[in-house]
N, C-alpha and C. Protein backbone atom coordinates (compact mmCIF):
# COMPACT_ATOMS: atom_id res chain seq x y z
N UNK A 1 0.59 -1.43 -0.08
CA UNK A 1 0.06 0.13 -0.17
C UNK A 1 0.85 1.03 -0.22
N UNK A 2 1.98 1.28 1.05
CA UNK A 2 3.00 2.40 0.81
C UNK A 2 3.45 3.36 -0.78
N UNK A 3 4.14 2.12 -1.62
CA UNK A 3 3.23 2.18 -2.54
C UNK A 3 3.43 3.11 -4.23
N UNK A 4 2.14 2.66 -3.06
CA UNK A 4 0.75 2.99 -4.12
C UNK A 4 0.51 4.34 -3.58
N UNK A 5 0.86 4.69 -2.53
CA UNK A 5 0.15 6.08 -1.86
C UNK A 5 1.59 7.25 -3.07
N UNK A 6 2.93 6.90 -2.41
CA UNK A 6 4.04 7.24 -3.11
C UNK A 6 4.53 7.25 -5.20
N UNK A 7 3.69 6.32 -5.34
CA UNK A 7 2.82 7.09 -6.61
C UNK A 7 1.49 7.90 -6.95
N UNK A 8 0.73 7.46 -6.06
CA UNK A 8 -0.54 8.82 -6.50
C UNK A 8 -0.38 10.31 -5.71
N UNK A 9 0.98 10.15 -5.10
CA UNK A 9 1.36 11.82 -4.46
C UNK A 9 1.79 12.14 -5.60
N UNK A 10 2.92 11.27 -6.74
CA UNK A 10 3.74 11.70 -7.18
C UNK A 10 2.97 12.15 -8.21
N UNK A 11 0.90 11.16 -8.78
CA UNK A 11 0.70 11.52 -10.52
C UNK A 11 -0.11 13.37 -9.37
N UNK A 12 -0.02 13.18 -8.17
CA UNK A 12 -1.01 14.23 -7.65
C UNK A 12 0.50 15.58 -7.59
N UNK A 13 1.84 15.61 -7.61
CA UNK A 13 2.54 17.08 -8.22
C UNK A 13 2.81 17.12 -9.40
N UNK A 14 2.89 15.56 -10.01
CA UNK A 14 2.87 15.86 -11.35
C UNK A 14 1.83 16.89 -12.42
N UNK A 15 0.40 16.77 -11.38
CA UNK A 15 -0.85 17.77 -11.05
C UNK A 15 -0.69 18.65 -11.23
N UNK A 16 0.03 19.10 -10.37
CA UNK A 16 -0.07 20.50 -9.22
C UNK A 16 1.26 21.34 -10.37
N UNK A 17 1.92 20.66 -10.99
CA UNK A 17 3.09 21.34 -12.25
C UNK A 17 2.39 21.74 -13.92
N UNK A 18 1.38 20.77 -13.75
CA UNK A 18 0.58 21.15 -15.18
C UNK A 18 -0.67 22.04 -14.75
N UNK A 19 -1.18 22.43 -13.60
CA UNK A 19 -1.97 23.44 -13.62
C UNK A 19 -1.31 24.30 -13.45
N UNK A 20 0.16 25.06 -12.74
CA UNK A 20 0.75 25.62 -11.98
C UNK A 20 1.27 25.81 -14.45
N UNK A 21 1.45 25.49 -15.14
CA UNK A 21 1.60 25.97 -16.24
C UNK A 21 0.71 26.16 -17.12
N UNK A 22 -0.11 25.76 -16.80
CA UNK A 22 -1.58 25.65 -18.48
C UNK A 22 -2.24 27.40 -17.19
N UNK A 23 -2.63 27.22 -17.06
CA UNK A 23 -2.78 28.70 -16.02
C UNK A 23 -1.37 30.18 -15.40
N UNK A 24 -0.91 29.02 -15.42
CA UNK A 24 0.79 30.28 -15.29
C UNK A 24 1.47 31.22 -16.33
N UNK A 25 1.06 30.36 -17.48
CA UNK A 25 2.07 30.89 -18.64
C UNK A 25 0.52 31.74 -19.34
N UNK A 26 -0.22 31.52 -19.59
CA UNK A 26 -1.78 32.25 -20.38
C UNK A 26 -1.34 33.75 -19.87
N UNK A 27 -1.02 33.46 -18.08
CA UNK A 27 -1.23 34.96 -17.55
C UNK A 27 -0.57 35.84 -17.83
N UNK A 28 1.26 35.24 -18.06
CA UNK A 28 2.28 35.80 -17.39
C UNK A 28 2.35 36.19 -19.41
N UNK A 29 1.30 35.48 -20.24
CA UNK A 29 1.86 35.89 -21.62
C UNK A 29 0.49 37.53 -21.82
N UNK A 30 -0.36 37.12 -21.35
CA UNK A 30 -1.04 37.90 -20.60
C UNK A 30 -1.53 39.54 -20.32
N UNK A 31 -0.64 39.73 -19.69
CA UNK A 31 0.66 40.61 -18.92
C UNK A 31 1.59 41.47 -19.35
N UNK A 32 2.22 40.36 -20.65
CA UNK A 32 3.01 40.82 -21.59
C UNK A 32 2.66 41.71 -21.51
N UNK A 33 1.60 40.87 -22.43
CA UNK A 33 0.34 41.32 -23.83
C UNK A 33 0.40 42.95 -22.99
N UNK A 34 -0.13 43.11 -22.97
CA UNK A 34 -0.80 44.57 -21.60
C UNK A 34 0.50 45.59 -21.92
N UNK A 35 1.00 45.13 -21.34
CA UNK A 35 2.03 45.65 -21.09
C UNK A 35 2.96 46.11 -23.35
N UNK A 36 2.67 45.80 -23.56
CA UNK A 36 3.72 45.82 -24.77
C UNK A 36 2.41 46.53 -25.68
N UNK A 37 0.86 46.93 -24.41
CA UNK A 37 0.08 47.40 -25.33
C UNK A 37 -0.69 47.34 -26.61
N UNK A 38 -0.49 45.65 -26.31
CA UNK A 38 -1.27 44.23 -27.90
C UNK A 38 -2.47 44.46 -27.84
N UNK A 39 -3.34 44.40 -25.90
CA UNK A 39 -3.92 43.60 -25.29
C UNK A 39 -4.32 44.78 -24.10
N UNK A 40 -6.13 44.88 -24.59
CA UNK A 40 -5.98 46.36 -23.40
C UNK A 40 -6.28 46.12 -22.09
N UNK A 41 -6.13 47.13 -21.98
CA UNK A 41 -5.91 47.50 -20.05
C UNK A 41 -6.64 46.43 -19.04
N UNK A 42 -7.86 46.11 -19.26
CA UNK A 42 -9.05 45.03 -18.49
C UNK A 42 -8.56 43.96 -17.94
N UNK A 43 -6.97 43.41 -19.03
CA UNK A 43 -6.96 41.82 -19.54
C UNK A 43 -6.17 42.14 -18.54
N UNK A 44 -6.03 42.69 -18.12
CA UNK A 44 -5.06 42.74 -16.29
C UNK A 44 -6.20 42.05 -15.27
N UNK A 45 -6.83 42.24 -15.03
CA UNK A 45 -8.04 41.14 -14.08
C UNK A 45 -7.95 39.84 -14.51
N UNK A 46 -8.48 39.90 -16.22
CA UNK A 46 -8.28 38.51 -16.24
C UNK A 46 -7.01 38.06 -16.10
N UNK A 47 -6.01 37.87 -16.80
CA UNK A 47 -5.29 37.75 -15.15
C UNK A 47 -4.71 37.81 -14.17
N UNK A 48 -5.08 37.72 -13.68
CA UNK A 48 -5.12 38.25 -12.24
C UNK A 48 -5.92 36.48 -11.66
N UNK A 49 -7.43 36.93 -11.87
CA UNK A 49 -8.18 35.74 -12.04
C UNK A 49 -7.75 34.26 -12.32
N UNK A 50 -7.27 34.67 -13.49
CA UNK A 50 -6.79 33.44 -13.70
C UNK A 50 -5.46 32.75 -13.39
N UNK A 51 -4.37 33.28 -12.29
CA UNK A 51 -3.79 33.08 -11.57
C UNK A 51 -3.77 32.48 -10.87
N UNK A 52 -4.89 33.45 -9.55
CA UNK A 52 -5.21 33.09 -7.67
C UNK A 52 -5.33 31.72 -9.31
N UNK A 53 -7.08 31.37 -9.85
CA UNK A 53 -7.24 29.84 -9.37
C UNK A 53 -6.09 29.16 -10.07
N UNK A 54 -5.44 29.53 -10.46
CA UNK A 54 -3.81 28.28 -10.79
C UNK A 54 -3.49 28.47 -9.78
N UNK A 55 -3.22 29.18 -9.04
CA UNK A 55 -2.30 28.67 -7.82
C UNK A 55 -3.26 28.29 -6.42
N UNK A 56 -4.57 28.44 -6.72
CA UNK A 56 -5.17 27.56 -5.67
C UNK A 56 -5.21 26.35 -6.19
N UNK A 57 -5.37 25.87 -7.60
CA UNK A 57 -5.04 24.66 -7.16
C UNK A 57 -4.14 23.65 -7.68
N UNK A 58 -3.28 24.32 -7.32
CA UNK A 58 -1.58 24.02 -7.74
C UNK A 58 -2.00 24.06 -6.57
N UNK A 59 -1.76 24.72 -4.89
CA UNK A 59 -1.46 24.10 -3.25
C UNK A 59 -2.83 23.75 -3.51
N UNK A 60 -3.91 23.31 -4.15
CA UNK A 60 -4.60 22.42 -3.16
C UNK A 60 -4.19 20.14 -4.42
N UNK A 61 -3.29 20.29 -4.99
CA UNK A 61 -2.42 19.53 -5.35
C UNK A 61 -0.41 19.14 -4.96
N UNK A 62 -0.34 20.62 -4.66
CA UNK A 62 0.41 19.84 -3.73
C UNK A 62 0.06 20.17 -2.15
N UNK A 63 -1.04 19.98 -1.91
CA UNK A 63 -1.41 19.18 -0.61
C UNK A 63 -1.61 17.33 -0.58
N UNK A 64 -1.99 17.38 -1.92
CA UNK A 64 -2.04 15.70 -2.21
C UNK A 64 -1.22 15.39 -2.22
N UNK A 65 -0.43 15.91 -3.05
CA UNK A 65 0.32 14.74 -3.40
C UNK A 65 1.55 14.79 -2.01
N UNK A 66 1.73 16.20 -0.93
CA UNK A 66 1.92 15.49 0.47
C UNK A 66 1.41 14.20 1.50
N UNK A 67 0.69 14.64 1.13
CA UNK A 67 -0.50 13.31 1.89
C UNK A 67 -0.24 12.15 0.49
N UNK A 68 -0.09 11.58 -0.55
CA UNK A 68 0.01 10.40 -0.72
C UNK A 68 -1.29 9.88 -1.78
N UNK A 69 -3.08 11.54 -1.91
CA UNK A 69 -3.39 11.31 -2.16
C UNK A 69 -2.81 11.48 -3.77
N UNK A 70 -3.98 10.88 -3.92
CA UNK A 70 -4.09 10.79 -5.40
C UNK A 70 -5.48 11.84 -6.44
N UNK A 71 -4.38 12.40 -7.79
CA UNK A 71 -5.30 14.01 -7.47
C UNK A 71 -7.23 13.85 -8.04
N UNK A 72 -7.54 12.52 -8.74
CA UNK A 72 -9.06 12.57 -8.53
C UNK A 72 -9.62 12.57 -7.71
N UNK A 73 -8.72 12.12 -6.02
CA UNK A 73 -9.31 11.00 -4.75
C UNK A 73 -9.64 12.68 -4.11
N UNK A 74 -9.82 12.27 -2.34
CA UNK A 74 -9.86 12.80 -1.53
C UNK A 74 -9.65 12.00 -0.63
N UNK A 75 -9.53 10.68 -0.33
CA UNK A 75 -9.02 10.57 0.29
C UNK A 75 -7.69 9.66 -0.05
N UNK A 76 -7.20 8.47 0.94
CA UNK A 76 -5.77 7.86 0.59
C UNK A 76 -6.49 6.84 -0.06
N UNK A 77 -6.29 5.76 -0.70
CA UNK A 77 -7.08 4.29 -1.11
C UNK A 77 -5.99 3.26 0.32
């Protein structure tokens, strides 16, 4: 059982990494586009909301990874 929890934790760390990339990169490029005056200033708000949601999800997956819980589960197996 311990090995399965290790794999579940590793999967959660992977999910945290993917979530960070999926939410962080578009938010960063939106900020760069606004600074380059390619996108309107209100896009800062959208980038901020995306970054906050991505941060919350990343922290949730990291917490699951430390606990050895799979990304799609709420408790250990």
